[in-house]
PDB file of N, CA and C in Angstrom:
ATOM      1  N   MET A   1     -13.902  -0.255  25.481  1.00  0.00           N
ATOM      2  CA  MET A   1     -12.629   0.408  25.646  1.00  0.00           C
ATOM      3  C   MET A   1     -12.170   1.050  24.327  1.00  0.00           C
ATOM      4  N   GLU A   2     -12.686   0.561  23.249  1.00  0.00           N
ATOM      5  CA  GLU A   2     -12.258   1.071  21.949  1.00  0.00           C
ATOM      6  C   GLU A   2     -12.949   2.395  21.661  1.00  0.00           C
ATOM      7  N   PRO A   3     -12.164   3.446  21.396  1.00  0.00           N
ATOM      8  CA  PRO A   3     -12.784   4.737  21.110  1.00  0.00           C
ATOM      9  C   PRO A   3     -13.520   4.711  19.776  1.00  0.00           C
ATOM     10  N   ARG A   4     -14.540   5.510  19.703  1.00  0.00           N
ATOM     11  CA  ARG A   4     -15.293   5.624  18.450  1.00  0.00           C
ATOM     12  C   ARG A   4     -14.999   6.978  17.837  1.00  0.00           C
ATOM     13  N   TYR A   5     -14.574   6.934  16.602  1.00  0.00           N
ATOM     14  CA  TYR A   5     -14.277   8.162  15.876  1.00  0.00           C
ATOM     15  C   TYR A   5     -15.465   8.442  14.967  1.00  0.00           C
ATOM     16  N   SER A   6     -15.903   9.668  14.971  1.00  0.00           N
ATOM     17  CA  SER A   6     -17.034  10.007  14.113  1.00  0.00           C
ATOM     18  C   SER A   6     -16.682  11.216  13.266  1.00  0.00           C
ATOM     19  N   THR A   7     -17.477  11.425  12.251  1.00  0.00           N
ATOM     20  CA  THR A   7     -17.240  12.571  11.369  1.00  0.00           C
ATOM     21  C   THR A   7     -17.507  13.877  12.087  1.00  0.00           C
ATOM     22  N   GLY A   8     -18.240  13.832  13.205  1.00  0.00           N
ATOM     23  CA  GLY A   8     -18.539  15.038  13.965  1.00  0.00           C
ATOM     24  C   GLY A   8     -17.463  15.406  14.977  1.00  0.00           C
ATOM     25  N   SER A   9     -16.437  14.565  15.109  1.00  0.00           N
ATOM     26  CA  SER A   9     -15.371  14.863  16.071  1.00  0.00           C
ATOM     27  C   SER A   9     -14.605  16.103  15.642  1.00  0.00           C
ATOM     28  N   PRO A  10     -14.160  16.914  16.620  1.00  0.00           N
ATOM     29  CA  PRO A  10     -13.373  18.096  16.255  1.00  0.00           C
ATOM     30  C   PRO A  10     -12.067  17.695  15.574  1.00  0.00           C
ATOM     31  N   LYS A  11     -11.664  18.479  14.620  1.00  0.00           N
ATOM     32  CA  LYS A  11     -10.422  18.238  13.884  1.00  0.00           C
ATOM     33  C   LYS A  11      -9.362  19.195  14.400  1.00  0.00           C
ATOM     34  N   VAL A  12      -8.127  18.722  14.432  1.00  0.00           N
ATOM     35  CA  VAL A  12      -7.001  19.532  14.869  1.00  0.00           C
ATOM     36  C   VAL A  12      -5.951  19.486  13.778  1.00  0.00           C
ATOM     37  N   LYS A  13      -5.529  20.644  13.348  1.00  0.00           N
ATOM     38  CA  LYS A  13      -4.508  20.713  12.306  1.00  0.00           C
ATOM     39  C   LYS A  13      -3.138  20.475  12.927  1.00  0.00           C
ATOM     40  N   THR A  14      -2.326  19.686  12.241  1.00  0.00           N
ATOM     41  CA  THR A  14      -0.991  19.383  12.728  1.00  0.00           C
ATOM     42  C   THR A  14      -0.026  19.328  11.546  1.00  0.00           C
ATOM     43  N   THR A  15       1.230  19.475  11.839  1.00  0.00           N
ATOM     44  CA  THR A  15       2.256  19.358  10.813  1.00  0.00           C
ATOM     45  C   THR A  15       3.173  18.206  11.194  1.00  0.00           C
ATOM     46  N   VAL A  16       3.358  17.297  10.271  1.00  0.00           N
ATOM     47  CA  VAL A  16       4.183  16.126  10.515  1.00  0.00           C
ATOM     48  C   VAL A  16       5.179  16.001   9.373  1.00  0.00           C
ATOM     49  N   LEU A  17       6.419  15.693   9.721  1.00  0.00           N
ATOM     50  CA  LEU A  17       7.438  15.482   8.700  1.00  0.00           C
ATOM     51  C   LEU A  17       7.598  13.987   8.449  1.00  0.00           C
ATOM     52  N   PHE A  18       7.563  13.601   7.171  1.00  0.00           N
ATOM     53  CA  PHE A  18       7.744  12.217   6.765  1.00  0.00           C
ATOM     54  C   PHE A  18       8.940  12.110   5.843  1.00  0.00           C
ATOM     55  N   GLU A  19       9.557  10.953   5.828  1.00  0.00           N
ATOM     56  CA  GLU A  19      10.606  10.705   4.849  1.00  0.00           C
ATOM     57  C   GLU A  19       9.970  10.725   3.461  1.00  0.00           C
ATOM     58  N   LYS A  20      10.677  11.271   2.516  1.00  0.00           N
ATOM     59  CA  LYS A  20      10.149  11.414   1.156  1.00  0.00           C
ATOM     60  C   LYS A  20       9.752  10.060   0.580  1.00  0.00           C
ATOM     61  N   ARG A  21      10.583   9.051   0.774  1.00  0.00           N
ATOM     62  CA  ARG A  21      10.292   7.720   0.213  1.00  0.00           C
ATOM     63  C   ARG A  21       9.013   7.125   0.829  1.00  0.00           C
ATOM     64  N   LEU A  22       8.787   7.381   2.100  1.00  0.00           N
ATOM     65  CA  LEU A  22       7.572   6.893   2.744  1.00  0.00           C
ATOM     66  C   LEU A  22       6.335   7.524   2.104  1.00  0.00           C
ATOM     67  N   LEU A  23       6.367   8.819   1.889  1.00  0.00           N
ATOM     68  CA  LEU A  23       5.228   9.484   1.237  1.00  0.00           C
ATOM     69  C   LEU A  23       5.032   8.997  -0.193  1.00  0.00           C
ATOM     70  N   GLU A  24       6.116   8.751  -0.893  1.00  0.00           N
ATOM     71  CA  GLU A  24       6.007   8.226  -2.259  1.00  0.00           C
ATOM     72  C   GLU A  24       5.343   6.852  -2.247  1.00  0.00           C
ATOM     73  N   GLU A  25       5.698   6.043  -1.275  1.00  0.00           N
ATOM     74  CA  GLU A  25       5.094   4.713  -1.177  1.00  0.00           C
ATOM     75  C   GLU A  25       3.622   4.806  -0.785  1.00  0.00           C
ATOM     76  N   ILE A  26       3.309   5.704   0.133  1.00  0.00           N
ATOM     77  CA  ILE A  26       1.904   5.923   0.499  1.00  0.00           C
ATOM     78  C   ILE A  26       1.110   6.345  -0.736  1.00  0.00           C
ATOM     79  N   ASP A  27       1.638   7.278  -1.485  1.00  0.00           N
ATOM     80  CA  ASP A  27       0.947   7.748  -2.688  1.00  0.00           C
ATOM     81  C   ASP A  27       0.777   6.630  -3.719  1.00  0.00           C
ATOM     82  N   GLU A  28       1.756   5.746  -3.781  1.00  0.00           N
ATOM     83  CA  GLU A  28       1.705   4.647  -4.758  1.00  0.00           C
ATOM     84  C   GLU A  28       0.613   3.640  -4.425  1.00  0.00           C
ATOM     85  N   PHE A  29       0.413   3.365  -3.139  1.00  0.00           N
ATOM     86  CA  PHE A  29      -0.521   2.309  -2.747  1.00  0.00           C
ATOM     87  C   PHE A  29      -1.800   2.819  -2.094  1.00  0.00           C
ATOM     88  N   ASN A  30      -1.971   4.109  -1.992  1.00  0.00           N
ATOM     89  CA  ASN A  30      -3.116   4.700  -1.314  1.00  0.00           C
ATOM     90  C   ASN A  30      -4.436   4.341  -2.006  1.00  0.00           C
ATOM     91  N   PRO A  31      -5.318   3.585  -1.316  1.00  0.00           N
ATOM     92  CA  PRO A  31      -6.610   3.245  -1.915  1.00  0.00           C
ATOM     93  C   PRO A  31      -7.682   4.312  -1.691  1.00  0.00           C
ATOM     94  N   PHE A  32      -7.347   5.343  -0.928  1.00  0.00           N
ATOM     95  CA  PHE A  32      -8.309   6.389  -0.592  1.00  0.00           C
ATOM     96  C   PHE A  32      -8.183   7.561  -1.558  1.00  0.00           C
ATOM     97  N   LYS A  33      -9.130   8.484  -1.452  1.00  0.00           N
ATOM     98  CA  LYS A  33      -9.116   9.656  -2.331  1.00  0.00           C
ATOM     99  C   LYS A  33      -7.980  10.607  -1.990  1.00  0.00           C
ATOM    100  N   THR A  34      -7.638  10.688  -0.707  1.00  0.00           N
ATOM    101  CA  THR A  34      -6.605  11.642  -0.294  1.00  0.00           C
ATOM    102  C   THR A  34      -5.571  10.973   0.599  1.00  0.00           C
ATOM    103  N   ARG A  35      -4.408  11.590   0.688  1.00  0.00           N
ATOM    104  CA  ARG A  35      -3.355  11.138   1.583  1.00  0.00           C
ATOM    105  C   ARG A  35      -3.833  11.263   3.033  1.00  0.00           C
ATOM    106  N   LYS A  36      -4.607  12.301   3.316  1.00  0.00           N
ATOM    107  CA  LYS A  36      -5.151  12.511   4.669  1.00  0.00           C
ATOM    108  C   LYS A  36      -6.006  11.324   5.092  1.00  0.00           C
ATOM    109  N   ASP A  37      -6.866  10.840   4.194  1.00  0.00           N
ATOM    110  CA  ASP A  37      -7.717   9.683   4.505  1.00  0.00           C
ATOM    111  C   ASP A  37      -6.862   8.447   4.798  1.00  0.00           C
ATOM    112  N   PHE A  38      -5.807   8.270   4.017  1.00  0.00           N
ATOM    113  CA  PHE A  38      -4.910   7.136   4.230  1.00  0.00           C
ATOM    114  C   PHE A  38      -4.269   7.212   5.611  1.00  0.00           C
ATOM    115  N   LEU A  39      -3.703   8.370   5.934  1.00  0.00           N
ATOM    116  CA  LEU A  39      -3.012   8.539   7.214  1.00  0.00           C
ATOM    117  C   LEU A  39      -3.988   8.397   8.383  1.00  0.00           C
ATOM    118  N   ASP A  40      -5.200   8.912   8.221  1.00  0.00           N
ATOM    119  CA  ASP A  40      -6.227   8.798   9.254  1.00  0.00           C
ATOM    120  C   ASP A  40      -6.535   7.327   9.531  1.00  0.00           C
ATOM    121  N   GLN A  41      -6.774   6.548   8.483  1.00  0.00           N
ATOM    122  CA  GLN A  41      -7.087   5.128   8.643  1.00  0.00           C
ATOM    123  C   GLN A  41      -5.888   4.347   9.178  1.00  0.00           C
ATOM    124  N   ALA A  42      -4.698   4.660   8.696  1.00  0.00           N
ATOM    125  CA  ALA A  42      -3.487   3.969   9.151  1.00  0.00           C
ATOM    126  C   ALA A  42      -3.281   4.187  10.649  1.00  0.00           C
ATOM    127  N   CYS A  43      -3.484   5.396  11.108  1.00  0.00           N
ATOM    128  CA  CYS A  43      -3.324   5.692  12.543  1.00  0.00           C
ATOM    129  C   CYS A  43      -4.361   4.948  13.373  1.00  0.00           C
ATOM    130  N   LYS A  44      -5.601   4.919  12.921  1.00  0.00           N
ATOM    131  CA  LYS A  44      -6.661   4.229  13.659  1.00  0.00           C
ATOM    132  C   LYS A  44      -6.380   2.730  13.743  1.00  0.00           C
ATOM    133  N   ILE A  45      -5.928   2.146  12.652  1.00  0.00           N
ATOM    134  CA  ILE A  45      -5.614   0.716  12.640  1.00  0.00           C
ATOM    135  C   ILE A  45      -4.439   0.426  13.572  1.00  0.00           C
ATOM    136  N   TYR A  46      -3.418   1.250  13.521  1.00  0.00           N
ATOM    137  CA  TYR A  46      -2.245   1.043  14.369  1.00  0.00           C
ATOM    138  C   TYR A  46      -2.602   1.188  15.847  1.00  0.00           C
ATOM    139  N   LEU A  47      -3.414   2.188  16.172  1.00  0.00           N
ATOM    140  CA  LEU A  47      -3.848   2.375  17.562  1.00  0.00           C
ATOM    141  C   LEU A  47      -4.682   1.188  18.042  1.00  0.00           C
ATOM    142  N   LYS A  48      -5.517   0.644  17.173  1.00  0.00           N
ATOM    143  CA  LYS A  48      -6.321  -0.531  17.530  1.00  0.00           C
ATOM    144  C   LYS A  48      -5.401  -1.712  17.853  1.00  0.00           C
ATOM    145  N   GLU A  49      -4.346  -1.896  17.059  1.00  0.00           N
ATOM    146  CA  GLU A  49      -3.384  -2.965  17.321  1.00  0.00           C
ATOM    147  C   GLU A  49      -2.651  -2.738  18.643  1.00  0.00           C
ATOM    148  N   LEU A  50      -2.288  -1.495  18.933  1.00  0.00           N
ATOM    149  CA  LEU A  50      -1.614  -1.188  20.194  1.00  0.00           C
ATOM    150  C   LEU A  50      -2.522  -1.467  21.389  1.00  0.00           C
ATOM    151  N   ARG A  51      -3.788  -1.054  21.280  1.00  0.00           N
ATOM    152  CA  ARG A  51      -4.744  -1.329  22.360  1.00  0.00           C
ATOM    153  C   ARG A  51      -4.891  -2.827  22.571  1.00  0.00           C
ATOM    154  N   ARG A  52      -4.978  -3.576  21.485  1.00  0.00           N
ATOM    155  CA  ARG A  52      -5.118  -5.030  21.565  1.00  0.00           C
ATOM    156  C   ARG A  52      -3.881  -5.651  22.225  1.00  0.00           C
ATOM    157  N   SER A  53      -2.716  -5.133  21.894  1.00  0.00           N
ATOM    158  CA  SER A  53      -1.474  -5.618  22.477  1.00  0.00           C
ATOM    159  C   SER A  53      -1.460  -5.407  23.990  1.00  0.00           C
ATOM    160  N   VAL A  54      -1.923  -4.247  24.439  1.00  0.00           N
ATOM    161  CA  VAL A  54      -1.991  -3.957  25.873  1.00  0.00           C
ATOM    162  C   VAL A  54      -2.970  -4.917  26.552  1.00  0.00           C
ATOM    163  N   ILE A  55      -4.105  -5.146  25.937  1.00  0.00           N
ATOM    164  CA  ILE A  55      -5.098  -6.076  26.490  1.00  0.00           C
ATOM    165  C   ILE A  55      -4.508  -7.483  26.569  1.00  0.00           C
ATOM    166  N   ASP A  56      -3.816  -7.920  25.510  1.00  0.00           N
ATOM    167  CA  ASP A  56      -3.204  -9.250  25.500  1.00  0.00           C
ATOM    168  C   ASP A  56      -2.160  -9.389  26.610  1.00  0.00           C
ATOM    169  N   GLU A  57      -1.360  -8.350  26.811  1.00  0.00           N
ATOM    170  CA  GLU A  57      -0.347  -8.384  27.865  1.00  0.00           C
ATOM    171  C   GLU A  57      -0.994  -8.484  29.247  1.00  0.00           C
ATOM    172  N   LYS A  58      -2.050  -7.713  29.468  1.00  0.00           N
ATOM    173  CA  LYS A  58      -2.755  -7.769  30.753  1.00  0.00           C
ATOM    174  C   LYS A  58      -3.380  -9.140  30.973  1.00  0.00           C
ATOM    175  N   LEU A  59      -3.950  -9.708  29.918  1.00  0.00           N
ATOM    176  CA  LEU A  59      -4.563 -11.027  30.021  1.00  0.00           C
ATOM    177  C   LEU A  59      -3.508 -12.090  30.316  1.00  0.00           C
ATOM    178  N   ALA A  60      -2.374 -12.020  29.645  1.00  0.00           N
ATOM    179  CA  ALA A  60      -1.298 -12.986  29.884  1.00  0.00           C
ATOM    180  C   ALA A  60      -0.799 -12.894  31.329  1.00  0.00           C
ATOM    181  N   LYS A  61      -0.664 -11.684  31.838  1.00  0.00           N
ATOM    182  CA  LYS A  61      -0.219 -11.491  33.213  1.00  0.00           C
ATOM    183  C   LYS A  61      -1.244 -12.067  34.197  1.00  0.00           C
ATOM    184  N   ALA A  62      -2.522 -11.798  33.951  1.00  0.00           N
ATOM    185  CA  ALA A  62      -3.581 -12.302  34.820  1.00  0.00           C
ATOM    186  C   ALA A  62      -3.613 -13.831  34.799  1.00  0.00           C
ATOM    187  N   CYS A  63      -3.441 -14.423  33.630  1.00  0.00           N
ATOM    188  CA  CYS A  63      -3.437 -15.888  33.521  1.00  0.00           C
ATOM    189  C   CYS A  63      -2.242 -16.473  34.254  1.00  0.00           C
ATOM    190  N   SER A  64      -1.103 -15.825  34.132  1.00  0.00           N
ATOM    191  CA  SER A  64       0.109 -16.290  34.815  1.00  0.00           C
ATOM    192  C   SER A  64      -0.069 -16.232  36.327  1.00  0.00           C
ATOM    193  N   GLU A  65      -0.619 -15.145  36.816  1.00  0.00           N
ATOM    194  CA  GLU A  65      -0.858 -15.003  38.256  1.00  0.00           C
ATOM    195  C   GLU A  65      -1.871 -16.039  38.739  1.00  0.00           C
ATOM    196  N   SER A  66      -2.895 -16.281  37.944  1.00  0.00           N
ATOM    197  CA  SER A  66      -3.914 -17.267  38.300  1.00  0.00           C
ATOM    198  C   SER A  66      -3.314 -18.670  38.312  1.00  0.00           C
ATOM    199  N   GLU A  67      -2.443 -18.968  37.363  1.00  0.00           N
ATOM    200  CA  GLU A  67      -1.804 -20.278  37.302  1.00  0.00           C
ATOM    201  C   GLU A  67      -0.944 -20.513  38.547  1.00  0.00           C
ATOM    202  N   ALA A  68      -0.190 -19.489  38.956  1.00  0.00           N
ATOM    203  CA  ALA A  68       0.648 -19.613  40.148  1.00  0.00           C
ATOM    204  C   ALA A  68      -0.221 -19.876  41.376  1.00  0.00           C
ATOM    205  N   GLU A  69      -1.341 -19.184  41.478  1.00  0.00           N
ATOM    206  CA  GLU A  69      -2.254 -19.381  42.603  1.00  0.00           C
ATOM    207  C   GLU A  69      -2.856 -20.787  42.558  1.00  0.00           C
ATOM    208  N   ASP A  70      -3.246 -21.253  41.363  1.00  0.00           N
ATOM    209  CA  ASP A  70      -3.811 -22.598  41.225  1.00  0.00           C
ATOM    210  C   ASP A  70      -2.809 -23.665  41.648  1.00  0.00           C
ATOM    211  N   ARG A  71      -1.551 -23.503  41.251  1.00  0.00           N
ATOM    212  CA  ARG A  71      -0.520 -24.480  41.630  1.00  0.00           C
ATOM    213  C   ARG A  71      -0.343 -24.512  43.146  1.00  0.00           C
ATOM    214  N   SER A  72      -0.356 -23.355  43.761  1.00  0.00           N
ATOM    215  CA  SER A  72      -0.209 -23.271  45.208  1.00  0.00           C
ATOM    216  C   SER A  72      -1.353 -23.995  45.911  1.00  0.00           C
ATOM    217  N   VAL A  73      -2.570 -23.763  45.461  1.00  0.00           N
ATOM    218  CA  VAL A  73      -3.741 -24.410  46.055  1.00  0.00           C
ATOM    219  C   VAL A  73      -3.684 -25.913  45.811  1.00  0.00           C
ATOM    220  N   ASN A  74      -3.308 -26.330  44.597  1.00  0.00           N
ATOM    221  CA  ASN A  74      -3.220 -27.757  44.288  1.00  0.00           C
ATOM    222  C   ASN A  74      -2.190 -28.450  45.168  1.00  0.00           C
ATOM    223  N   GLU A  75      -1.036 -27.827  45.378  1.00  0.00           N
ATOM    224  CA  GLU A  75      -0.005 -28.418  46.218  1.00  0.00           C
ATOM    225  C   GLU A  75      -0.500 -28.586  47.648  1.00  0.00           C
ATOM    226  N   GLU A  76      -1.319 -27.648  48.102  1.00  0.00           N
ATOM    227  CA  GLU A  76      -1.858 -27.709  49.469  1.00  0.00           C
ATOM    228  C   GLU A  76      -2.865 -28.843  49.619  1.00  0.00           C
ATOM    229  N   TRP A  77      -3.714 -29.041  48.593  1.00  0.00           N
ATOM    230  CA  TRP A  77      -4.791 -30.008  48.701  1.00  0.00           C
ATOM    231  C   TRP A  77      -4.448 -31.389  48.161  1.00  0.00           C
ATOM    232  N   GLU A  78      -3.441 -31.501  47.311  1.00  0.00           N
ATOM    233  CA  GLU A  78      -3.158 -32.779  46.668  1.00  0.00           C
ATOM    234  C   GLU A  78      -2.911 -33.919  47.661  1.00  0.00           C
ATOM    235  N   PRO A  79      -2.077 -33.746  48.691  1.00  0.00           N
ATOM    236  CA  PRO A  79      -1.874 -34.862  49.630  1.00  0.00           C
ATOM    237  C   PRO A  79      -3.164 -35.278  50.339  1.00  0.00           C
ATOM    238  N   ILE A  80      -4.007 -34.333  50.670  1.00  0.00           N
ATOM    239  CA  ILE A  80      -5.270 -34.631  51.347  1.00  0.00           C
ATOM    240  C   ILE A  80      -6.192 -35.417  50.407  1.00  0.00           C
ATOM    241  N   ALA A  81      -6.260 -34.993  49.158  1.00  0.00           N
ATOM    242  CA  ALA A  81      -7.137 -35.653  48.193  1.00  0.00           C
ATOM    243  C   ALA A  81      -6.658 -37.062  47.863  1.00  0.00           C
ATOM    244  N   LEU A  82      -5.373 -37.305  47.924  1.00  0.00           N
ATOM    245  CA  LEU A  82      -4.829 -38.609  47.567  1.00  0.00           C
ATOM    246  C   LEU A  82      -4.784 -39.578  48.734  1.00  0.00           C
ATOM    247  N   GLU A  83      -5.052 -39.139  49.961  1.00  0.00           N
ATOM    248  CA  GLU A  83      -4.978 -40.002  51.144  1.00  0.00           C
ATOM    249  C   GLU A  83      -5.778 -41.286  50.994  1.00  0.00           C
ATOM    250  N   GLY A  84      -6.970 -41.187  50.538  1.00  0.00           N
ATOM    251  CA  GLY A  84      -7.829 -42.362  50.423  1.00  0.00           C
ATOM    252  C   GLY A  84      -7.463 -43.275  49.264  1.00  0.00           C
ATOM    253  N   TRP A  85      -6.624 -42.864  48.361  1.00  0.00           N
ATOM    254  CA  TRP A  85      -6.269 -43.628  47.183  1.00  0.00           C
ATOM    255  C   TRP A  85      -5.054 -44.527  47.395  1.00  0.00           C
ATOM    256  N   LYS A  86      -4.356 -44.346  48.474  1.00  0.00           N
ATOM    257  CA  LYS A  86      -3.114 -45.126  48.686  1.00  0.00           C
ATOM    258  C   LYS A  86      -3.391 -46.497  49.219  1.00  0.00           C
TER     259      LYS A  86
END
């Protein structure tokens, strides 16, 4: 599900406005050669976190639905299973 970005991917030029202080901070801590490289990596990392968040939410929902179904089945079978133990 995770997209793969390659150096051969088409590039699209865009214009983005940033707060001046944000750009100053990016420039201060940028470990890359260019601001473009920093922004490219930051976007990829953020998108990866967003994708992971969506997957986690879907998994939590599926587990919750499965738990509700398990409880329903257990309630149905529990008296039958305990009959011989009384």
